[in-house]
């Protein structure tokens, strides 16, 4: 007899389907009217103040970057070093690249 039972897997929904609603005709007309205006003529006085984006992106439950498969040539000794530290060497290589990207993001 099993001591534990797996629960049913959660159903996944796209956030775009849950958190967006279609625009009304009035909203669509307003957007069309604004699109025809020169940027300097648009009144943005009621817009909330801009907050600086966070320095770091936290990868976790709510943010999972899209992975893209590539073919990458690295030096054999670099690959051997990452592999020598155990499994999930590709994840550690990605983390090293992400760290480098974030360090130099302020240089742009």
N, C-alpha and C. Protein backbone atom coordinates (compact mmCIF):
# COMPACT_ATOMS: atom_id res chain seq x y z
N UNK A 1 0.84 -1.18 0.00
CA UNK A 1 0.00 0.00 0.00
C UNK A 1 0.89 1.25 0.00
N UNK A 2 0.51 2.22 -0.83
CA UNK A 2 1.26 3.47 -0.90
C UNK A 2 1.02 4.31 0.34
N UNK A 3 2.08 4.94 0.83
CA UNK A 3 1.94 5.81 1.99
C UNK A 3 1.56 7.23 1.58
N UNK A 4 1.91 7.61 0.36
CA UNK A 4 1.57 8.96 -0.09
C UNK A 4 0.96 8.88 -1.48
N UNK A 5 0.14 9.85 -1.75
CA UNK A 5 -0.53 9.90 -3.04
C UNK A 5 -0.21 11.23 -3.69
N UNK A 6 0.15 11.19 -4.95
CA UNK A 6 0.44 12.44 -5.66
C UNK A 6 -0.85 13.19 -5.93
N UNK A 7 -0.79 14.48 -5.77
CA UNK A 7 -1.96 15.30 -6.09
C UNK A 7 -1.98 15.56 -7.59
N UNK A 8 -3.15 15.90 -8.08
CA UNK A 8 -3.27 16.20 -9.51
C UNK A 8 -2.42 17.40 -9.87
N UNK A 9 -1.86 17.36 -11.06
CA UNK A 9 -1.03 18.47 -11.51
C UNK A 9 -1.89 19.69 -11.78
N UNK A 10 -1.38 20.87 -11.39
CA UNK A 10 -2.10 22.11 -11.63
C UNK A 10 -2.27 22.35 -13.11
N UNK A 11 -3.38 22.96 -13.46
CA UNK A 11 -3.61 23.34 -14.84
C UNK A 11 -2.91 24.67 -15.09
N UNK A 12 -2.15 24.77 -16.16
CA UNK A 12 -1.42 26.00 -16.45
C UNK A 12 -2.22 26.86 -17.43
N UNK A 13 -2.23 28.15 -17.16
CA UNK A 13 -2.90 29.12 -18.02
C UNK A 13 -1.90 30.19 -18.42
N UNK A 14 -2.05 30.72 -19.60
CA UNK A 14 -1.22 31.84 -20.01
C UNK A 14 -1.66 33.08 -19.25
N UNK A 15 -0.69 33.84 -18.77
CA UNK A 15 -1.01 35.07 -18.03
C UNK A 15 -1.77 36.05 -18.92
N UNK A 16 -1.47 36.04 -20.22
CA UNK A 16 -2.15 36.97 -21.12
C UNK A 16 -3.65 36.70 -21.16
N UNK A 17 -4.04 35.47 -20.96
CA UNK A 17 -5.46 35.14 -20.97
C UNK A 17 -6.15 35.45 -19.65
N UNK A 18 -5.38 35.46 -18.57
CA UNK A 18 -5.96 35.70 -17.25
C UNK A 18 -6.02 37.17 -16.87
N UNK A 19 -5.01 37.93 -17.26
CA UNK A 19 -4.87 39.27 -16.72
C UNK A 19 -5.10 40.38 -17.74
N UNK A 20 -5.58 40.06 -18.89
CA UNK A 20 -5.88 41.10 -19.88
C UNK A 20 -7.32 40.96 -20.33
N UNK A 21 -7.90 42.08 -20.63
CA UNK A 21 -9.27 42.08 -21.15
C UNK A 21 -9.25 42.83 -22.47
N UNK A 22 -10.15 42.48 -23.37
CA UNK A 22 -10.18 43.18 -24.66
C UNK A 22 -10.49 44.67 -24.45
N UNK A 23 -9.96 45.50 -25.33
CA UNK A 23 -10.23 46.93 -25.26
C UNK A 23 -11.64 47.22 -25.75
N UNK A 24 -12.25 48.20 -25.10
CA UNK A 24 -13.57 48.63 -25.56
C UNK A 24 -13.40 49.50 -26.81
N UNK A 25 -14.49 49.76 -27.50
CA UNK A 25 -14.41 50.61 -28.70
C UNK A 25 -13.89 52.00 -28.35
N UNK A 26 -14.35 52.50 -27.20
CA UNK A 26 -13.92 53.83 -26.75
C UNK A 26 -12.41 53.84 -26.50
N UNK A 27 -11.90 52.81 -25.82
CA UNK A 27 -10.47 52.73 -25.55
C UNK A 27 -9.67 52.61 -26.84
N UNK A 28 -10.17 51.81 -27.77
CA UNK A 28 -9.49 51.64 -29.06
C UNK A 28 -9.43 52.97 -29.82
N UNK A 29 -10.55 53.74 -29.83
CA UNK A 29 -10.57 55.05 -30.50
C UNK A 29 -9.57 56.01 -29.86
N UNK A 30 -9.50 55.99 -28.52
CA UNK A 30 -8.57 56.86 -27.80
C UNK A 30 -7.12 56.52 -28.16
N UNK A 31 -6.80 55.24 -28.22
CA UNK A 31 -5.45 54.83 -28.59
C UNK A 31 -5.12 55.22 -30.03
N UNK A 32 -6.08 55.05 -30.93
CA UNK A 32 -5.87 55.45 -32.32
C UNK A 32 -5.62 56.95 -32.42
N UNK A 33 -6.39 57.73 -31.62
CA UNK A 33 -6.22 59.19 -31.64
C UNK A 33 -4.84 59.57 -31.11
N UNK A 34 -4.41 58.93 -30.03
CA UNK A 34 -3.10 59.22 -29.46
C UNK A 34 -1.96 58.80 -30.40
N UNK A 35 -2.16 57.73 -31.13
CA UNK A 35 -1.13 57.25 -32.05
C UNK A 35 -0.85 58.26 -33.15
N UNK A 36 -1.84 59.06 -33.49
CA UNK A 36 -1.68 60.06 -34.55
C UNK A 36 -1.00 61.34 -34.06
N UNK A 37 -0.95 61.52 -32.73
CA UNK A 37 -0.35 62.73 -32.17
C UNK A 37 1.18 62.63 -32.14
N UNK A 38 1.82 63.80 -32.20
CA UNK A 38 3.26 63.88 -31.98
C UNK A 38 3.48 63.66 -30.48
N UNK A 39 4.54 62.97 -30.12
CA UNK A 39 4.79 62.63 -28.71
C UNK A 39 4.74 63.84 -27.79
N UNK A 40 5.27 64.96 -28.23
CA UNK A 40 5.32 66.15 -27.38
C UNK A 40 3.93 66.72 -27.11
N UNK A 41 2.93 66.35 -27.87
CA UNK A 41 1.56 66.86 -27.70
C UNK A 41 0.72 66.00 -26.75
N UNK A 42 1.24 64.86 -26.34
CA UNK A 42 0.49 63.97 -25.46
C UNK A 42 0.68 64.41 -24.01
N UNK A 43 -0.43 64.60 -23.30
CA UNK A 43 -0.39 65.01 -21.90
C UNK A 43 -0.13 63.79 -21.02
N UNK A 44 1.02 63.77 -20.39
CA UNK A 44 1.39 62.65 -19.52
C UNK A 44 1.43 63.07 -18.05
N UNK A 45 0.81 64.20 -17.73
CA UNK A 45 0.88 64.71 -16.35
C UNK A 45 0.21 63.78 -15.34
N UNK A 46 -0.76 62.99 -15.79
CA UNK A 46 -1.45 62.09 -14.85
C UNK A 46 -0.81 60.70 -14.79
N UNK A 47 0.27 60.49 -15.54
CA UNK A 47 0.95 59.19 -15.54
C UNK A 47 1.77 59.04 -14.26
N UNK A 48 1.83 57.84 -13.70
CA UNK A 48 2.63 57.64 -12.48
C UNK A 48 4.10 57.88 -12.78
N UNK A 49 4.84 58.29 -11.76
CA UNK A 49 6.27 58.56 -11.95
C UNK A 49 6.99 57.26 -12.27
N UNK A 50 8.04 57.38 -13.03
CA UNK A 50 8.82 56.23 -13.46
C UNK A 50 9.70 55.75 -12.32
N UNK A 51 9.65 54.48 -12.05
CA UNK A 51 10.52 53.89 -11.05
C UNK A 51 11.63 53.16 -11.79
N UNK A 52 12.83 53.31 -11.31
CA UNK A 52 13.96 52.63 -11.93
C UNK A 52 13.76 51.13 -11.86
N UNK A 53 14.15 50.44 -12.91
CA UNK A 53 13.99 48.99 -12.90
C UNK A 53 14.98 48.37 -11.92
N UNK A 54 14.63 47.23 -11.37
CA UNK A 54 15.51 46.61 -10.38
C UNK A 54 16.86 46.26 -10.99
N UNK A 55 17.91 46.33 -10.18
CA UNK A 55 19.25 46.02 -10.66
C UNK A 55 19.39 44.56 -11.06
N UNK A 56 18.74 43.70 -10.32
CA UNK A 56 18.86 42.27 -10.57
C UNK A 56 17.50 41.68 -10.88
N UNK A 57 17.50 40.72 -11.75
CA UNK A 57 16.28 39.97 -12.03
C UNK A 57 16.36 38.70 -11.20
N UNK A 58 15.36 38.44 -10.39
CA UNK A 58 15.37 37.27 -9.54
C UNK A 58 14.65 36.13 -10.26
N UNK A 59 15.39 35.09 -10.53
CA UNK A 59 14.84 33.92 -11.19
C UNK A 59 14.24 33.04 -10.12
N UNK A 60 13.00 32.66 -10.29
CA UNK A 60 12.36 31.85 -9.28
C UNK A 60 10.99 31.39 -9.72
N UNK A 61 10.07 31.33 -8.79
CA UNK A 61 8.75 30.78 -9.05
C UNK A 61 7.99 31.57 -10.10
N UNK A 62 8.08 32.90 -10.06
CA UNK A 62 7.26 33.71 -10.95
C UNK A 62 7.98 34.16 -12.21
N UNK A 63 9.29 34.01 -12.27
CA UNK A 63 10.03 34.40 -13.47
C UNK A 63 10.94 33.26 -13.88
N UNK A 64 10.64 32.70 -15.00
CA UNK A 64 11.47 31.64 -15.56
C UNK A 64 11.85 32.07 -16.97
N UNK A 65 13.12 32.40 -17.18
CA UNK A 65 13.54 32.84 -18.51
C UNK A 65 13.30 31.75 -19.55
N UNK A 66 12.98 32.18 -20.73
CA UNK A 66 12.81 31.24 -21.84
C UNK A 66 14.18 30.71 -22.21
N UNK A 67 14.29 29.43 -22.30
CA UNK A 67 15.56 28.80 -22.68
C UNK A 67 15.60 28.65 -24.18
N UNK A 68 16.78 28.82 -24.74
CA UNK A 68 16.96 28.66 -26.18
C UNK A 68 18.15 27.74 -26.40
N UNK A 69 17.91 26.70 -27.17
CA UNK A 69 18.98 25.75 -27.44
C UNK A 69 19.90 26.31 -28.50
N UNK A 70 21.20 26.25 -28.22
CA UNK A 70 22.20 26.73 -29.17
C UNK A 70 23.33 25.72 -29.25
N UNK A 71 24.16 25.92 -30.22
CA UNK A 71 25.40 25.15 -30.30
C UNK A 71 26.50 26.13 -29.97
N UNK A 72 27.30 25.83 -28.95
CA UNK A 72 28.31 26.75 -28.47
C UNK A 72 29.64 26.02 -28.37
N UNK A 73 30.66 26.60 -28.93
CA UNK A 73 31.99 26.00 -28.84
C UNK A 73 32.75 26.70 -27.73
N UNK A 74 33.20 25.91 -26.76
CA UNK A 74 34.01 26.45 -25.67
C UNK A 74 35.32 25.66 -25.62
N UNK A 75 36.31 26.27 -25.01
CA UNK A 75 37.60 25.59 -24.88
C UNK A 75 37.42 24.33 -24.04
N UNK A 76 38.16 23.29 -24.42
CA UNK A 76 38.03 21.99 -23.75
C UNK A 76 38.32 22.09 -22.26
N UNK A 77 39.32 22.89 -21.89
CA UNK A 77 39.66 22.99 -20.47
C UNK A 77 38.57 23.71 -19.68
N UNK A 78 37.88 24.66 -20.30
CA UNK A 78 36.78 25.35 -19.63
C UNK A 78 35.64 24.37 -19.38
N UNK A 79 35.30 23.61 -20.41
CA UNK A 79 34.23 22.61 -20.27
C UNK A 79 34.61 21.56 -19.22
N UNK A 80 35.85 21.10 -19.24
CA UNK A 80 36.30 20.10 -18.26
C UNK A 80 36.21 20.65 -16.84
N UNK A 81 36.53 21.93 -16.67
CA UNK A 81 36.47 22.54 -15.34
C UNK A 81 35.03 22.56 -14.82
N UNK A 82 34.08 23.00 -15.68
CA UNK A 82 32.68 23.03 -15.25
C UNK A 82 32.17 21.62 -14.96
N UNK A 83 32.52 20.65 -15.81
CA UNK A 83 32.08 19.27 -15.61
C UNK A 83 32.69 18.65 -14.36
N UNK A 84 33.89 19.07 -14.00
CA UNK A 84 34.57 18.48 -12.85
C UNK A 84 33.88 18.82 -11.53
N UNK A 85 33.02 19.81 -11.55
CA UNK A 85 32.31 20.22 -10.33
C UNK A 85 30.97 19.51 -10.19
N UNK A 86 30.76 18.45 -10.96
CA UNK A 86 29.55 17.65 -10.80
C UNK A 86 28.51 17.97 -11.86
N UNK A 87 27.32 17.38 -11.65
CA UNK A 87 26.22 17.53 -12.61
C UNK A 87 25.74 18.97 -12.72
N UNK A 88 24.84 19.17 -13.63
CA UNK A 88 24.24 20.48 -13.90
C UNK A 88 25.28 21.54 -14.28
N UNK A 89 26.30 21.10 -15.02
CA UNK A 89 27.34 22.04 -15.40
C UNK A 89 26.81 23.10 -16.36
N UNK A 90 25.81 22.74 -17.18
CA UNK A 90 25.24 23.73 -18.10
C UNK A 90 24.50 24.82 -17.32
N UNK A 91 23.84 24.46 -16.24
CA UNK A 91 23.16 25.44 -15.40
C UNK A 91 24.17 26.38 -14.77
N UNK A 92 25.31 25.84 -14.32
CA UNK A 92 26.34 26.70 -13.74
C UNK A 92 26.97 27.59 -14.79
N UNK A 93 27.14 27.09 -16.01
CA UNK A 93 27.67 27.93 -17.08
C UNK A 93 26.70 29.08 -17.39
N UNK A 94 25.41 28.77 -17.40
CA UNK A 94 24.41 29.80 -17.63
C UNK A 94 24.44 30.85 -16.51
N UNK A 95 24.60 30.39 -15.28
CA UNK A 95 24.66 31.31 -14.14
C UNK A 95 25.89 32.22 -14.25
N UNK A 96 27.01 31.68 -14.69
CA UNK A 96 28.22 32.49 -14.87
C UNK A 96 28.01 33.54 -15.96
N UNK A 97 27.36 33.15 -17.04
CA UNK A 97 27.07 34.10 -18.12
C UNK A 97 26.08 35.17 -17.66
N UNK A 98 25.08 34.76 -16.88
CA UNK A 98 24.10 35.74 -16.36
C UNK A 98 24.79 36.74 -15.43
N UNK A 99 25.69 36.24 -14.57
CA UNK A 99 26.42 37.13 -13.66
C UNK A 99 27.23 38.15 -14.47
N UNK A 100 27.92 37.70 -15.49
CA UNK A 100 28.70 38.60 -16.34
C UNK A 100 27.80 39.62 -17.02
N UNK A 101 26.65 39.17 -17.50
CA UNK A 101 25.69 40.07 -18.16
C UNK A 101 25.22 41.15 -17.19
N UNK A 102 24.88 40.76 -15.96
CA UNK A 102 24.38 41.73 -14.99
C UNK A 102 25.46 42.69 -14.53
N UNK A 103 26.70 42.22 -14.44
CA UNK A 103 27.80 43.10 -14.06
C UNK A 103 28.01 44.20 -15.09
N UNK A 104 27.81 43.88 -16.34
CA UNK A 104 28.08 44.84 -17.41
C UNK A 104 26.83 45.52 -17.95
N UNK A 105 25.69 45.24 -17.35
CA UNK A 105 24.44 45.87 -17.79
C UNK A 105 24.48 47.37 -17.55
N UNK A 106 25.17 47.80 -16.50
CA UNK A 106 25.25 49.23 -16.19
C UNK A 106 26.18 49.97 -17.14
N UNK A 107 27.01 49.24 -17.91
CA UNK A 107 27.94 49.87 -18.85
C UNK A 107 27.24 50.42 -20.08
N UNK A 108 26.03 49.97 -20.33
CA UNK A 108 25.33 50.35 -21.57
C UNK A 108 24.89 51.77 -21.54
